[in-house]
């Protein structure tokens, strides 16, 4: 989404995040956001929830990696680990 939307600041300093942005980020009542001020510009980011972290961890491949006494492993037996070591 690359649209410009306008919010409004209330008398109490609260900001209403436009509905299309809330929907795109999955923001709901109680969601936490991070405000960052840099050179007169504000960036707002959704903070990850425990569920967000759980979904991320589910994507991490699990494999047994045998590392020998010299700190070496067989990339053919541990292809996901090898890819992670090479590509991060």
Protein backbone atom coordinates (compact mmCIF):
# COMPACT_ATOMS: atom_id res chain seq x y z
CA UNK A 1 0.00 0.00 0.00
CA UNK A 2 1.47 3.31 -0.99
CA UNK A 3 -1.34 5.77 -0.33
CA UNK A 4 -1.48 9.01 1.59
CA UNK A 5 -4.20 9.07 4.22
CA UNK A 6 -4.96 11.73 6.80
CA UNK A 7 -5.54 11.11 10.49
CA UNK A 8 -6.60 13.55 13.15
CA UNK A 9 -5.16 14.43 16.57
CA UNK A 10 -7.74 14.70 19.36
CA UNK A 11 -7.75 17.22 22.20
CA UNK A 12 -6.09 14.54 24.36
CA UNK A 13 -3.31 14.01 21.79
CA UNK A 14 -4.72 10.73 20.51
CA UNK A 15 -4.30 9.93 16.83
CA UNK A 16 -6.84 8.02 14.80
CA UNK A 17 -5.14 5.62 12.38
CA UNK A 18 -7.21 5.45 9.18
CA UNK A 19 -9.17 2.20 8.75
CA UNK A 20 -7.36 1.02 5.57
CA UNK A 21 -4.03 1.18 7.42
CA UNK A 22 -5.43 -0.57 10.51
CA UNK A 23 -6.79 -3.33 8.29
CA UNK A 24 -3.58 -3.70 6.27
CA UNK A 25 -1.51 -4.04 9.47
CA UNK A 26 -4.06 -6.11 11.37
CA UNK A 27 -4.31 -3.48 14.12
CA UNK A 28 -7.09 -4.08 16.61
CA UNK A 29 -8.10 -2.59 19.94
CA UNK A 30 -5.11 -2.99 22.25
CA UNK A 31 -2.54 -3.44 19.46
CA UNK A 32 0.75 -1.77 20.29
CA UNK A 33 2.53 0.54 17.88
CA UNK A 34 5.95 2.12 17.97
CA UNK A 35 6.39 5.83 17.24
CA UNK A 36 9.79 6.93 15.97
CA UNK A 37 10.71 10.59 15.49
CA UNK A 38 13.53 11.27 13.03
CA UNK A 39 14.30 14.67 11.49
CA UNK A 40 10.79 15.99 12.00
CA UNK A 41 9.08 12.89 10.57
CA UNK A 42 7.14 10.29 12.51
CA UNK A 43 7.22 6.61 11.62
CA UNK A 44 4.58 4.33 13.14
CA UNK A 45 5.23 0.58 13.20
CA UNK A 46 3.13 -2.29 14.49
CA UNK A 47 4.87 -4.13 17.31
CA UNK A 48 4.79 -7.89 16.87
CA UNK A 49 2.49 -9.85 19.16
CA UNK A 50 3.22 -13.23 20.72
CA UNK A 51 1.12 -14.77 17.93
CA UNK A 52 3.22 -12.97 15.29
CA UNK A 53 6.38 -14.42 16.87
CA UNK A 54 4.83 -17.90 17.09
CA UNK A 55 3.94 -17.83 13.38
CA UNK A 56 7.48 -16.70 12.55
CA UNK A 57 9.05 -19.47 14.63
CA UNK A 58 6.81 -22.07 12.94
CA UNK A 59 8.51 -21.22 9.64
CA UNK A 60 11.98 -22.03 10.94
CA UNK A 61 13.08 -25.42 9.64
CA UNK A 62 14.09 -27.98 12.22
CA UNK A 63 16.81 -30.45 11.41
CA UNK A 64 19.48 -32.29 13.34
CA UNK A 65 22.91 -30.89 12.58
CA UNK A 66 25.91 -32.99 13.45
CA UNK A 67 28.99 -30.87 13.99
CA UNK A 68 32.28 -32.69 14.33
CA UNK A 69 35.10 -31.88 16.77
CA UNK A 70 36.57 -29.45 14.20
CA UNK A 71 33.31 -27.46 13.99
CA UNK A 72 32.43 -28.80 10.53
CA UNK A 73 29.15 -30.24 9.29
CA UNK A 74 27.97 -32.06 6.18
CA UNK A 75 25.93 -29.58 4.06
CA UNK A 76 24.26 -32.49 2.20
CA UNK A 77 22.90 -33.89 5.47
CA UNK A 78 21.87 -30.44 6.78
CA UNK A 79 20.79 -28.39 3.73
CA UNK A 80 18.58 -25.93 5.65
CA UNK A 81 21.32 -25.22 8.19
CA UNK A 82 23.83 -24.80 5.37
CA UNK A 83 21.52 -22.35 3.58
CA UNK A 84 21.07 -20.41 6.82
CA UNK A 85 24.84 -20.29 7.40
CA UNK A 86 25.45 -19.02 3.87
CA UNK A 87 22.44 -16.72 3.31
CA UNK A 88 21.36 -15.84 6.83
